[in-house]
Amino acid sequence: MLNPYASHLGDLDPVEVIATTPAKLRALLDTIGGERAEQPRAPGKWSAREIVCHLADCEVAFAFRLRRNLALVRSFSTADLARPVNHPERGDMTLQTIVETMAGHDRNHLKQVEEIAG
C-alpha cells in the first residue's frame, strides 16, 4: 500500500523532515502563544495543542527509538529500506514506505499548525 501522506512529502527527504519537525513545532508554538494554541484553525478542526498532542501520541506508534535515533534511519542501506514489512492495518510495504509515511504525517500536521500561526 502506498504512503497515505505522500502528497505532503513531495520531493522532500523524509529523514530530514522527521529530524526538523520538533524544532519547527517549537518555533510555531512560540509564534502562536498559549491562548491561540487552544483555538481550532476552523470549526470542527483540531487546535495546535491537539495537533501537537496527536504527534506526541504518534511518537509511540512510530517507535520512539527510531524517531529519536535518526542515526539508525540514516544508516539504513538502499537494500535495508527495500525490505518488506507487514503493517497490521495497511498490509505489506517496505521500510522506506514507513519512513516516508512518518515524514509525510509530520508535514501534514506541520502545515496545519503553520496555518494556525498565520
PDB file of N, CA and C in Angstrom:
ATOM      1  N   MET A   1       0.846  -1.179   0.000  1.00  0.00           N
ATOM      2  CA  MET A   1       0.000   0.000   0.000  1.00  0.00           C
ATOM      3  C   MET A   1       0.892   1.243   0.000  1.00  0.00           C
ATOM      4  N   LEU A   2       0.444   2.266  -0.676  1.00  0.00           N
ATOM      5  CA  LEU A   2       1.214   3.493  -0.781  1.00  0.00           C
ATOM      6  C   LEU A   2       1.123   4.322   0.492  1.00  0.00           C
ATOM      7  N   ASN A   3       2.046   5.236   0.629  1.00  0.00           N
ATOM      8  CA  ASN A   3       2.084   6.164   1.746  1.00  0.00           C
ATOM      9  C   ASN A   3       0.880   7.100   1.666  1.00  0.00           C
ATOM     10  N   PRO A   4       0.004   7.099   2.667  1.00  0.00           N
ATOM     11  CA  PRO A   4      -1.176   7.966   2.611  1.00  0.00           C
ATOM     12  C   PRO A   4      -0.839   9.448   2.750  1.00  0.00           C
ATOM     13  N   TYR A   5       0.382   9.773   3.111  1.00  0.00           N
ATOM     14  CA  TYR A   5       0.794  11.170   3.267  1.00  0.00           C
ATOM     15  C   TYR A   5       1.776  11.611   2.191  1.00  0.00           C
ATOM     16  N   ALA A   6       1.896  10.859   1.126  1.00  0.00           N
ATOM     17  CA  ALA A   6       2.875  11.152   0.074  1.00  0.00           C
ATOM     18  C   ALA A   6       2.702  12.557  -0.488  1.00  0.00           C
ATOM     19  N   SER A   7       1.473  13.027  -0.613  1.00  0.00           N
ATOM     20  CA  SER A   7       1.250  14.357  -1.183  1.00  0.00           C
ATOM     21  C   SER A   7       1.803  15.466  -0.286  1.00  0.00           C
ATOM     22  N   HIS A   8       1.960  15.207   0.993  1.00  0.00           N
ATOM     23  CA  HIS A   8       2.505  16.208   1.907  1.00  0.00           C
ATOM     24  C   HIS A   8       4.024  16.217   1.890  1.00  0.00           C
ATOM     25  N   LEU A   9       4.610  15.142   1.423  1.00  0.00           N
ATOM     26  CA  LEU A   9       6.061  14.998   1.436  1.00  0.00           C
ATOM     27  C   LEU A   9       6.703  15.521   0.159  1.00  0.00           C
ATOM     28  N   GLY A  10       6.070  15.270  -0.968  1.00  0.00           N
ATOM     29  CA  GLY A  10       6.644  15.709  -2.237  1.00  0.00           C
ATOM     30  C   GLY A  10       8.032  15.146  -2.440  1.00  0.00           C
ATOM     31  N   ASP A  11       8.965  16.008  -2.824  1.00  0.00           N
ATOM     32  CA  ASP A  11      10.349  15.596  -3.077  1.00  0.00           C
ATOM     33  C   ASP A  11      11.246  15.765  -1.859  1.00  0.00           C
ATOM     34  N   LEU A  12      10.671  16.126  -0.722  1.00  0.00           N
ATOM     35  CA  LEU A  12      11.480  16.333   0.476  1.00  0.00           C
ATOM     36  C   LEU A  12      12.064  15.018   0.977  1.00  0.00           C
ATOM     37  N   ASP A  13      13.242  15.097   1.563  1.00  0.00           N
ATOM     38  CA  ASP A  13      13.900  13.930   2.152  1.00  0.00           C
ATOM     39  C   ASP A  13      13.164  13.579   3.439  1.00  0.00           C
ATOM     40  N   PRO A  14      12.569  12.393   3.520  1.00  0.00           N
ATOM     41  CA  PRO A  14      11.777  12.054   4.707  1.00  0.00           C
ATOM     42  C   PRO A  14      12.564  12.066   6.012  1.00  0.00           C
ATOM     43  N   VAL A  15      13.828  11.669   5.973  1.00  0.00           N
ATOM     44  CA  VAL A  15      14.630  11.658   7.195  1.00  0.00           C
ATOM     45  C   VAL A  15      14.861  13.090   7.684  1.00  0.00           C
ATOM     46  N   GLU A  16      15.096  14.016   6.762  1.00  0.00           N
ATOM     47  CA  GLU A  16      15.285  15.416   7.154  1.00  0.00           C
ATOM     48  C   GLU A  16      13.990  16.018   7.698  1.00  0.00           C
ATOM     49  N   VAL A  17      12.857  15.644   7.118  1.00  0.00           N
ATOM     50  CA  VAL A  17      11.564  16.114   7.633  1.00  0.00           C
ATOM     51  C   VAL A  17      11.380  15.646   9.065  1.00  0.00           C
ATOM     52  N   ILE A  18      11.633  14.372   9.302  1.00  0.00           N
ATOM     53  CA  ILE A  18      11.491  13.811  10.646  1.00  0.00           C
ATOM     54  C   ILE A  18      12.441  14.524  11.620  1.00  0.00           C
ATOM     55  N   ALA A  19      13.646  14.805  11.168  1.00  0.00           N
ATOM     56  CA  ALA A  19      14.652  15.434  12.030  1.00  0.00           C
ATOM     57  C   ALA A  19      14.294  16.877  12.381  1.00  0.00           C
ATOM     58  N   THR A  20      13.648  17.593  11.473  1.00  0.00           N
ATOM     59  CA  THR A  20      13.384  19.021  11.690  1.00  0.00           C
ATOM     60  C   THR A  20      12.006  19.320  12.279  1.00  0.00           C
ATOM     61  N   THR A  21      11.123  18.344  12.323  1.00  0.00           N
ATOM     62  CA  THR A  21       9.768  18.590  12.830  1.00  0.00           C
ATOM     63  C   THR A  21       9.736  19.155  14.243  1.00  0.00           C
ATOM     64  N   PRO A  22      10.460  18.594  15.225  1.00  0.00           N
ATOM     65  CA  PRO A  22      10.372  19.146  16.584  1.00  0.00           C
ATOM     66  C   PRO A  22      10.726  20.629  16.674  1.00  0.00           C
ATOM     67  N   ALA A  23      11.806  21.048  16.029  1.00  0.00           N
ATOM     68  CA  ALA A  23      12.214  22.461  16.080  1.00  0.00           C
ATOM     69  C   ALA A  23      11.185  23.353  15.393  1.00  0.00           C
ATOM     70  N   LYS A  24      10.632  22.882  14.285  1.00  0.00           N
ATOM     71  CA  LYS A  24       9.608  23.670  13.597  1.00  0.00           C
ATOM     72  C   LYS A  24       8.368  23.826  14.470  1.00  0.00           C
ATOM     73  N   LEU A  25       7.973  22.753  15.131  1.00  0.00           N
ATOM     74  CA  LEU A  25       6.818  22.836  16.029  1.00  0.00           C
ATOM     75  C   LEU A  25       7.070  23.821  17.160  1.00  0.00           C
ATOM     76  N   ARG A  26       8.259  23.758  17.765  1.00  0.00           N
ATOM     77  CA  ARG A  26       8.587  24.688  18.856  1.00  0.00           C
ATOM     78  C   ARG A  26       8.477  26.132  18.387  1.00  0.00           C
ATOM     79  N   ALA A  27       9.038  26.429  17.214  1.00  0.00           N
ATOM     80  CA  ALA A  27       9.004  27.796  16.688  1.00  0.00           C
ATOM     81  C   ALA A  27       7.567  28.236  16.394  1.00  0.00           C
ATOM     82  N   LEU A  28       6.785  27.349  15.814  1.00  0.00           N
ATOM     83  CA  LEU A  28       5.392  27.686  15.510  1.00  0.00           C
ATOM     84  C   LEU A  28       4.592  27.928  16.782  1.00  0.00           C
ATOM     85  N   LEU A  29       4.808  27.104  17.793  1.00  0.00           N
ATOM     86  CA  LEU A  29       4.081  27.286  19.053  1.00  0.00           C
ATOM     87  C   LEU A  29       4.497  28.569  19.756  1.00  0.00           C
ATOM     88  N   ASP A  30       5.754  28.966  19.624  1.00  0.00           N
ATOM     89  CA  ASP A  30       6.175  30.258  20.167  1.00  0.00           C
ATOM     90  C   ASP A  30       5.442  31.397  19.466  1.00  0.00           C
ATOM     91  N   THR A  31       5.258  31.263  18.160  1.00  0.00           N
ATOM     92  CA  THR A  31       4.540  32.274  17.389  1.00  0.00           C
ATOM     93  C   THR A  31       3.059  32.318  17.769  1.00  0.00           C
ATOM     94  N   ILE A  32       2.478  31.165  17.944  1.00  0.00           N
ATOM     95  CA  ILE A  32       1.038  31.064  18.235  1.00  0.00           C
ATOM     96  C   ILE A  32       0.721  31.553  19.645  1.00  0.00           C
ATOM     97  N   GLY A  33       1.513  31.153  20.617  1.00  0.00           N
ATOM     98  CA  GLY A  33       1.244  31.513  22.003  1.00  0.00           C
ATOM     99  C   GLY A  33       0.230  30.589  22.641  1.00  0.00           C
ATOM    100  N   GLY A  34       0.178  30.619  23.969  1.00  0.00           N
ATOM    101  CA  GLY A  34      -0.652  29.694  24.735  1.00  0.00           C
ATOM    102  C   GLY A  34      -2.141  29.780  24.457  1.00  0.00           C
ATOM    103  N   GLU A  35      -2.679  30.988  24.418  1.00  0.00           N
ATOM    104  CA  GLU A  35      -4.130  31.142  24.230  1.00  0.00           C
ATOM    105  C   GLU A  35      -4.568  30.681  22.843  1.00  0.00           C
ATOM    106  N   ARG A  36      -3.850  31.110  21.811  1.00  0.00           N
ATOM    107  CA  ARG A  36      -4.210  30.709  20.444  1.00  0.00           C
ATOM    108  C   ARG A  36      -3.992  29.228  20.196  1.00  0.00           C
ATOM    109  N   ALA A  37      -3.095  28.603  20.972  1.00  0.00           N
ATOM    110  CA  ALA A  37      -2.837  27.171  20.798  1.00  0.00           C
ATOM    111  C   ALA A  37      -4.065  26.336  21.111  1.00  0.00           C
ATOM    112  N   GLU A  38      -4.984  26.897  21.870  1.00  0.00           N
ATOM    113  CA  GLU A  38      -6.225  26.194  22.239  1.00  0.00           C
ATOM    114  C   GLU A  38      -7.335  26.362  21.215  1.00  0.00           C
ATOM    115  N   GLN A  39      -7.183  27.295  20.304  1.00  0.00           N
ATOM    116  CA  GLN A  39      -8.248  27.603  19.342  1.00  0.00           C
ATOM    117  C   GLN A  39      -8.095  26.763  18.077  1.00  0.00           C
ATOM    118  N   PRO A  40      -9.161  26.085  17.650  1.00  0.00           N
ATOM    119  CA  PRO A  40      -9.072  25.314  16.402  1.00  0.00           C
ATOM    120  C   PRO A  40      -8.862  26.240  15.204  1.00  0.00           C
ATOM    121  N   ARG A  41      -8.221  25.728  14.177  1.00  0.00           N
ATOM    122  CA  ARG A  41      -7.956  26.542  12.985  1.00  0.00           C
ATOM    123  C   ARG A  41      -9.214  26.806  12.191  1.00  0.00           C
ATOM    124  N   ALA A  42     -10.231  25.970  12.382  1.00  0.00           N
ATOM    125  CA  ALA A  42     -11.540  26.135  11.733  1.00  0.00           C
ATOM    126  C   ALA A  42     -12.536  25.299  12.527  1.00  0.00           C
ATOM    127  N   PRO A  43     -13.827  25.574  12.398  1.00  0.00           N
ATOM    128  CA  PRO A  43     -14.818  24.767  13.120  1.00  0.00           C
ATOM    129  C   PRO A  43     -14.671  23.279  12.790  1.00  0.00           C
ATOM    130  N   GLY A  44     -14.667  22.474  13.839  1.00  0.00           N
ATOM    131  CA  GLY A  44     -14.551  21.028  13.658  1.00  0.00           C
ATOM    132  C   GLY A  44     -13.134  20.531  13.419  1.00  0.00           C
ATOM    133  N   LYS A  45     -12.148  21.439  13.427  1.00  0.00           N
ATOM    134  CA  LYS A  45     -10.739  21.056  13.209  1.00  0.00           C
ATOM    135  C   LYS A  45      -9.997  21.074  14.542  1.00  0.00           C
ATOM    136  N   TRP A  46      -8.820  20.450  14.558  1.00  0.00           N
ATOM    137  CA  TRP A  46      -8.014  20.406  15.759  1.00  0.00           C
ATOM    138  C   TRP A  46      -7.328  21.746  16.012  1.00  0.00           C
ATOM    139  N   SER A  47      -7.087  22.027  17.283  1.00  0.00           N
ATOM    140  CA  SER A  47      -6.263  23.172  17.670  1.00  0.00           C
ATOM    141  C   SER A  47      -4.792  22.772  17.548  1.00  0.00           C
ATOM    142  N   ALA A  48      -3.910  23.771  17.644  1.00  0.00           N
ATOM    143  CA  ALA A  48      -2.476  23.475  17.608  1.00  0.00           C
ATOM    144  C   ALA A  48      -2.100  22.535  18.754  1.00  0.00           C
ATOM    145  N   ARG A  49      -2.679  22.768  19.931  1.00  0.00           N
ATOM    146  CA  ARG A  49      -2.392  21.900  21.081  1.00  0.00           C
ATOM    147  C   ARG A  49      -2.809  20.469  20.782  1.00  0.00           C
ATOM    148  N   GLU A  50      -3.975  20.278  20.181  1.00  0.00           N
ATOM    149  CA  GLU A  50      -4.444  18.928  19.858  1.00  0.00           C
ATOM    150  C   GLU A  50      -3.558  18.264  18.805  1.00  0.00           C
ATOM    151  N   ILE A  51      -3.087  19.046  17.844  1.00  0.00           N
ATOM    152  CA  ILE A  51      -2.188  18.501  16.818  1.00  0.00           C
ATOM    153  C   ILE A  51      -0.875  18.056  17.451  1.00  0.00           C
ATOM    154  N   VAL A  52      -0.325  18.888  18.320  1.00  0.00           N
ATOM    155  CA  VAL A  52       0.933  18.533  18.987  1.00  0.00           C
ATOM    156  C   VAL A  52       0.741  17.292  19.857  1.00  0.00           C
ATOM    157  N   CYS A  53      -0.381  17.202  20.562  1.00  0.00           N
ATOM    158  CA  CYS A  53      -0.669  16.003  21.370  1.00  0.00           C
ATOM    159  C   CYS A  53      -0.784  14.767  20.480  1.00  0.00           C
ATOM    160  N   HIS A  54      -1.434  14.918  19.327  1.00  0.00           N
ATOM    161  CA  HIS A  54      -1.552  13.807  18.384  1.00  0.00           C
ATOM    162  C   HIS A  54      -0.170  13.357  17.907  1.00  0.00           C
ATOM    163  N   LEU A  55       0.686  14.318  17.552  1.00  0.00           N
ATOM    164  CA  LEU A  55       2.030  13.962  17.109  1.00  0.00           C
ATOM    165  C   LEU A  55       2.819  13.295  18.236  1.00  0.00           C
ATOM    166  N   ALA A  56       2.622  13.738  19.456  1.00  0.00           N
ATOM    167  CA  ALA A  56       3.286  13.093  20.593  1.00  0.00           C
ATOM    168  C   ALA A  56       2.811  11.648  20.742  1.00  0.00           C
ATOM    169  N   ASP A  57       1.512  11.432  20.593  1.00  0.00           N
ATOM    170  CA  ASP A  57       0.987  10.063  20.635  1.00  0.00           C
ATOM    171  C   ASP A  57       1.590   9.203  19.530  1.00  0.00           C
ATOM    172  N   CYS A  58       1.785   9.808  18.374  1.00  0.00           N
ATOM    173  CA  CYS A  58       2.347   9.065  17.240  1.00  0.00           C
ATOM    174  C   CYS A  58       3.809   8.703  17.455  1.00  0.00           C
ATOM    175  N   GLU A  59       4.478   9.441  18.336  1.00  0.00           N
ATOM    176  CA  GLU A  59       5.853   9.089  18.667  1.00  0.00           C
ATOM    177  C   GLU A  59       5.915   7.635  19.122  1.00  0.00           C
ATOM    178  N   VAL A  60       4.940   7.245  19.928  1.00  0.00           N
ATOM    179  CA  VAL A  60       4.898   5.873  20.417  1.00  0.00           C
ATOM    180  C   VAL A  60       4.623   4.923  19.260  1.00  0.00           C
ATOM    181  N   ALA A  61       3.626   5.255  18.450  1.00  0.00           N
ATOM    182  CA  ALA A  61       3.238   4.384  17.336  1.00  0.00           C
ATOM    183  C   ALA A  61       4.351   4.257  16.298  1.00  0.00           C
ATOM    184  N   PHE A  62       5.090   5.324  16.071  1.00  0.00           N
ATOM    185  CA  PHE A  62       6.164   5.296  15.076  1.00  0.00           C
ATOM    186  C   PHE A  62       7.503   4.856  15.663  1.00  0.00           C
ATOM    187  N   ALA A  63       7.457   4.382  16.879  1.00  0.00           N
ATOM    188  CA  ALA A  63       8.636   3.857  17.569  1.00  0.00           C
ATOM    189  C   ALA A  63       9.565   4.982  18.017  1.00  0.00           C
ATOM    190  N   PHE A  64       9.434   5.309  19.268  1.00  0.00           N
ATOM    191  CA  PHE A  64      10.200   6.402  19.868  1.00  0.00           C
ATOM    192  C   PHE A  64      11.692   6.290  19.566  1.00  0.00           C
ATOM    193  N   ARG A  65      12.233   5.124  19.682  1.00  0.00           N
ATOM    194  CA  ARG A  65      13.663   4.961  19.444  1.00  0.00           C
ATOM    195  C   ARG A  65      14.036   5.276  18.003  1.00  0.00           C
ATOM    196  N   LEU A  66      13.228   4.810  17.061  1.00  0.00           N
ATOM    197  CA  LEU A  66      13.513   5.057  15.654  1.00  0.00           C
ATOM    198  C   LEU A  66      13.483   6.554  15.383  1.00  0.00           C
ATOM    199  N   ARG A  67      12.491   7.224  15.933  1.00  0.00           N
ATOM    200  CA  ARG A  67      12.302   8.652  15.697  1.00  0.00           C
ATOM    201  C   ARG A  67      13.433   9.479  16.303  1.00  0.00           C
ATOM    202  N   ARG A  68      13.833   9.161  17.537  1.00  0.00           N
ATOM    203  CA  ARG A  68      14.861   9.934  18.224  1.00  0.00           C
ATOM    204  C   ARG A  68      16.259   9.529  17.781  1.00  0.00           C
ATOM    205  N   ASN A  69      16.452   8.254  17.406  1.00  0.00           N
ATOM    206  CA  ASN A  69      17.774   7.801  16.971  1.00  0.00           C
ATOM    207  C   ASN A  69      17.822   7.841  15.454  1.00  0.00           C
ATOM    208  N   LEU A  70      17.831   9.077  14.883  1.00  0.00           N
ATOM    209  CA  LEU A  70      17.865   9.244  13.437  1.00  0.00           C
ATOM    210  C   LEU A  70      19.130   8.663  12.824  1.00  0.00           C
ATOM    211  N   ALA A  71      20.157   8.504  13.627  1.00  0.00           N
ATOM    212  CA  ALA A  71      21.381   7.873  13.111  1.00  0.00           C
ATOM    213  C   ALA A  71      21.070   6.472  12.614  1.00  0.00           C
ATOM    214  N   LEU A  72      20.153   5.777  13.293  1.00  0.00           N
ATOM    215  CA  LEU A  72      19.760   4.441  12.857  1.00  0.00           C
ATOM    216  C   LEU A  72      19.117   4.498  11.474  1.00  0.00           C
ATOM    217  N   VAL A  73      18.165   5.392  11.291  1.00  0.00           N
ATOM    218  CA  VAL A  73      17.481   5.504   9.997  1.00  0.00           C
ATOM    219  C   VAL A  73      18.467   5.915   8.907  1.00  0.00           C
ATOM    220  N   ARG A  74      19.348   6.849   9.246  1.00  0.00           N
ATOM    221  CA  ARG A  74      20.340   7.304   8.254  1.00  0.00           C
ATOM    222  C   ARG A  74      21.343   6.215   7.898  1.00  0.00           C
ATOM    223  N   SER A  75      21.495   5.240   8.767  1.00  0.00           N
ATOM    224  CA  SER A  75      22.452   4.165   8.493  1.00  0.00           C
ATOM    225  C   SER A  75      21.875   3.077   7.585  1.00  0.00           C
ATOM    226  N   PHE A  76      20.574   3.089   7.347  1.00  0.00           N
ATOM    227  CA  PHE A  76      19.965   2.068   6.500  1.00  0.00           C
ATOM    228  C   PHE A  76      20.494   2.160   5.074  1.00  0.00           C
ATOM    229  N   SER A  77      20.808   1.031   4.505  1.00  0.00           N
ATOM    230  CA  SER A  77      21.224   0.981   3.103  1.00  0.00           C
ATOM    231  C   SER A  77      19.977   0.961   2.223  1.00  0.00           C
ATOM    232  N   THR A  78      20.167   1.101   0.936  1.00  0.00           N
ATOM    233  CA  THR A  78      19.060   1.005  -0.007  1.00  0.00           C
ATOM    234  C   THR A  78      18.382  -0.351   0.116  1.00  0.00           C
ATOM    235  N   ALA A  79      19.181  -1.391   0.303  1.00  0.00           N
ATOM    236  CA  ALA A  79      18.624  -2.738   0.463  1.00  0.00           C
ATOM    237  C   ALA A  79      17.808  -2.843   1.751  1.00  0.00           C
ATOM    238  N   ASP A  80      18.299  -2.221   2.831  1.00  0.00           N
ATOM    239  CA  ASP A  80      17.538  -2.221   4.090  1.00  0.00           C
ATOM    240  C   ASP A  80      16.179  -1.560   3.897  1.00  0.00           C
ATOM    241  N   LEU A  81      16.184  -0.406   3.236  1.00  0.00           N
ATOM    242  CA  LEU A  81      14.940   0.349   3.038  1.00  0.00           C
ATOM    243  C   LEU A  81      13.955  -0.381   2.125  1.00  0.00           C
ATOM    244  N   ALA A  82      14.468  -1.267   1.285  1.00  0.00           N
ATOM    245  CA  ALA A  82      13.607  -2.023   0.369  1.00  0.00           C
ATOM    246  C   ALA A  82      13.042  -3.290   1.013  1.00  0.00           C
ATOM    247  N   ARG A  83      13.462  -3.589   2.226  1.00  0.00           N
ATOM    248  CA  ARG A  83      12.998  -4.815   2.906  1.00  0.00           C
ATOM    249  C   ARG A  83      11.494  -4.769   3.115  1.00  0.00           C
ATOM    250  N   PRO A  84      10.830  -5.881   2.843  1.00  0.00           N
ATOM    251  CA  PRO A  84       9.383  -5.923   3.065  1.00  0.00           C
ATOM    252  C   PRO A  84       9.058  -6.053   4.551  1.00  0.00           C
ATOM    253  N   VAL A  85       8.020  -5.355   4.944  1.00  0.00           N
ATOM    254  CA  VAL A  85       7.493  -5.450   6.311  1.00  0.00           C
ATOM    255  C   VAL A  85       5.982  -5.569   6.196  1.00  0.00           C
ATOM    256  N   ASN A  86       5.349  -5.967   7.270  1.00  0.00           N
ATOM    257  CA  ASN A  86       3.894  -6.092   7.250  1.00  0.00           C
ATOM    258  C   ASN A  86       3.294  -5.210   8.329  1.00  0.00           C
ATOM    259  N   HIS A  87       2.460  -4.267   7.904  1.00  0.00           N
ATOM    260  CA  HIS A  87       1.752  -3.379   8.824  1.00  0.00           C
ATOM    261  C   HIS A  87       0.415  -4.040   9.145  1.00  0.00           C
ATOM    262  N   PRO A  88       0.023  -4.089  10.421  1.00  0.00           N
ATOM    263  CA  PRO A  88      -1.208  -4.802  10.784  1.00  0.00           C
ATOM    264  C   PRO A  88      -2.483  -4.241  10.146  1.00  0.00           C
ATOM    265  N   GLU A  89      -2.474  -2.957   9.771  1.00  0.00           N
ATOM    266  CA  GLU A  89      -3.661  -2.368   9.150  1.00  0.00           C
ATOM    267  C   GLU A  89      -3.492  -2.117   7.659  1.00  0.00           C
ATOM    268  N   ARG A  90      -2.250  -1.841   7.223  1.00  0.00           N
ATOM    269  CA  ARG A  90      -2.018  -1.461   5.829  1.00  0.00           C
ATOM    270  C   ARG A  90      -1.433  -2.576   4.977  1.00  0.00           C
ATOM    271  N   GLY A  91      -1.063  -3.677   5.605  1.00  0.00           N
ATOM    272  CA  GLY A  91      -0.545  -4.815   4.854  1.00  0.00           C
ATOM    273  C   GLY A  91       0.928  -4.675   4.520  1.00  0.00           C
ATOM    274  N   ASP A  92       1.332  -5.311   3.417  1.00  0.00           N
ATOM    275  CA  ASP A  92       2.740  -5.351   3.029  1.00  0.00           C
ATOM    276  C   ASP A  92       3.208  -3.998   2.501  1.00  0.00           C
ATOM    277  N   MET A  93       4.384  -3.624   2.928  1.00  0.00           N
ATOM    278  CA  MET A  93       5.025  -2.390   2.470  1.00  0.00           C
ATOM    279  C   MET A  93       6.516  -2.538   2.713  1.00  0.00           C
ATOM    280  N   THR A  94       7.280  -1.489   2.421  1.00  0.00           N
ATOM    281  CA  THR A  94       8.719  -1.525   2.672  1.00  0.00           C
ATOM    282  C   THR A  94       9.058  -0.608   3.847  1.00  0.00           C
ATOM    283  N   LEU A  95      10.260  -0.796   4.366  1.00  0.00           N
ATOM    284  CA  LEU A  95      10.734   0.090   5.419  1.00  0.00           C
ATOM    285  C   LEU A  95      10.781   1.532   4.910  1.00  0.00           C
ATOM    286  N   GLN A  96      11.151   1.726   3.650  1.00  0.00           N
ATOM    287  CA  GLN A  96      11.168   3.064   3.041  1.00  0.00           C
ATOM    288  C   GLN A  96       9.785   3.707   3.123  1.00  0.00           C
ATOM    289  N   THR A  97       8.728   2.939   2.862  1.00  0.00           N
ATOM    290  CA  THR A  97       7.371   3.476   2.928  1.00  0.00           C
ATOM    291  C   THR A  97       7.025   3.912   4.351  1.00  0.00           C
ATOM    292  N   ILE A  98       7.498   3.167   5.334  1.00  0.00           N
ATOM    293  CA  ILE A  98       7.240   3.545   6.724  1.00  0.00           C
ATOM    294  C   ILE A  98       7.936   4.869   7.052  1.00  0.00           C
ATOM    295  N   VAL A  99       9.189   5.027   6.642  1.00  0.00           N
ATOM    296  CA  VAL A  99       9.922   6.270   6.884  1.00  0.00           C
ATOM    297  C   VAL A  99       9.228   7.428   6.170  1.00  0.00           C
ATOM    298  N   GLU A 100       8.808   7.217   4.929  1.00  0.00           N
ATOM    299  CA  GLU A 100       8.107   8.256   4.174  1.00  0.00           C
ATOM    300  C   GLU A 100       6.755   8.592   4.804  1.00  0.00           C
ATOM    301  N   THR A 101       6.077   7.587   5.331  1.00  0.00           N
ATOM    302  CA  THR A 101       4.788   7.827   5.989  1.00  0.00           C
ATOM    303  C   THR A 101       4.981   8.685   7.236  1.00  0.00           C
ATOM    304  N   MET A 102       6.010   8.383   8.015  1.00  0.00           N
ATOM    305  CA  MET A 102       6.302   9.186   9.201  1.00  0.00           C
ATOM    306  C   MET A 102       6.545  10.643   8.812  1.00  0.00           C
ATOM    307  N   ALA A 103       7.352  10.851   7.791  1.00  0.00           N
ATOM    308  CA  ALA A 103       7.691  12.210   7.368  1.00  0.00           C
ATOM    309  C   ALA A 103       6.481  12.926   6.766  1.00  0.00           C
ATOM    310  N   GLY A 104       5.717  12.239   5.945  1.00  0.00           N
ATOM    311  CA  GLY A 104       4.522  12.848   5.352  1.00  0.00           C
ATOM    312  C   GLY A 104       3.491  13.212   6.410  1.00  0.00           C
ATOM    313  N   HIS A 105       3.371  12.362   7.420  1.00  0.00           N
ATOM    314  CA  HIS A 105       2.467  12.631   8.542  1.00  0.00           C
ATOM    315  C   HIS A 105       2.901  13.906   9.268  1.00  0.00           C
ATOM    316  N   ASP A 106       4.202  14.036   9.508  1.00  0.00           N
ATOM    317  CA  ASP A 106       4.718  15.253  10.132  1.00  0.00           C
ATOM    318  C   ASP A 106       4.374  16.480   9.289  1.00  0.00           C
ATOM    319  N   ARG A 107       4.654  16.409   7.989  1.00  0.00           N
ATOM    320  CA  ARG A 107       4.397  17.555   7.093  1.00  0.00           C
ATOM    321  C   ARG A 107       2.921  17.926   7.090  1.00  0.00           C
ATOM    322  N   ASN A 108       2.042  16.945   7.057  1.00  0.00           N
ATOM    323  CA  ASN A 108       0.602  17.198   7.076  1.00  0.00           C
ATOM    324  C   ASN A 108       0.225  18.044   8.287  1.00  0.00           C
ATOM    325  N   HIS A 109       0.680  17.627   9.453  1.00  0.00           N
ATOM    326  CA  HIS A 109       0.298  18.335  10.666  1.00  0.00           C
ATOM    327  C   HIS A 109       1.083  19.630  10.862  1.00  0.00           C
ATOM    328  N   LEU A 110       2.309  19.692  10.386  1.00  0.00           N
ATOM    329  CA  LEU A 110       3.039  20.959  10.437  1.00  0.00           C
ATOM    330  C   LEU A 110       2.315  22.030   9.629  1.00  0.00           C
ATOM    331  N   LYS A 111       1.795  21.663   8.471  1.00  0.00           N
ATOM    332  CA  LYS A 111       1.045  22.615   7.644  1.00  0.00           C
ATOM    333  C   LYS A 111      -0.170  23.137   8.399  1.00  0.00           C
ATOM    334  N   GLN A 112      -0.825  22.275   9.165  1.00  0.00           N
ATOM    335  CA  GLN A 112      -1.979  22.712   9.938  1.00  0.00           C
ATOM    336  C   GLN A 112      -1.581  23.713  11.017  1.00  0.00           C
ATOM    337  N   VAL A 113      -0.477  23.444  11.705  1.00  0.00           N
ATOM    338  CA  VAL A 113      -0.018  24.366  12.747  1.00  0.00           C
ATOM    339  C   VAL A 113       0.483  25.666  12.107  1.00  0.00           C
ATOM    340  N   GLU A 114       1.122  25.578  10.939  1.00  0.00           N
ATOM    341  CA  GLU A 114       1.551  26.788  10.215  1.00  0.00           C
ATOM    342  C   GLU A 114       0.337  27.646   9.857  1.00  0.00           C
ATOM    343  N   GLU A 115      -0.747  27.013   9.473  1.00  0.00           N
ATOM    344  CA  GLU A 115      -1.982  27.715   9.151  1.00  0.00           C
ATOM    345  C   GLU A 115      -2.493  28.482  10.377  1.00  0.00           C
ATOM    346  N   ILE A 116      -2.423  27.843  11.539  1.00  0.00           N
ATOM    347  CA  ILE A 116      -2.855  28.482  12.788  1.00  0.00           C
ATOM    348  C   ILE A 116      -1.929  29.653  13.108  1.00  0.00           C
ATOM    349  N   ALA A 117      -0.624  29.460  12.890  1.00  0.00           N
ATOM    350  CA  ALA A 117       0.354  30.512  13.190  1.00  0.00           C
ATOM    351  C   ALA A 117       0.177  31.714  12.272  1.00  0.00           C
ATOM    352  N   GLY A 118      -0.430  31.474  11.105  1.00  0.00           N
ATOM    353  CA  GLY A 118      -0.729  32.562  10.176  1.00  0.00           C
ATOM    354  C   GLY A 118       0.485  33.005   9.429  1.00  0.00           C
TER     355      GLY A 118
END
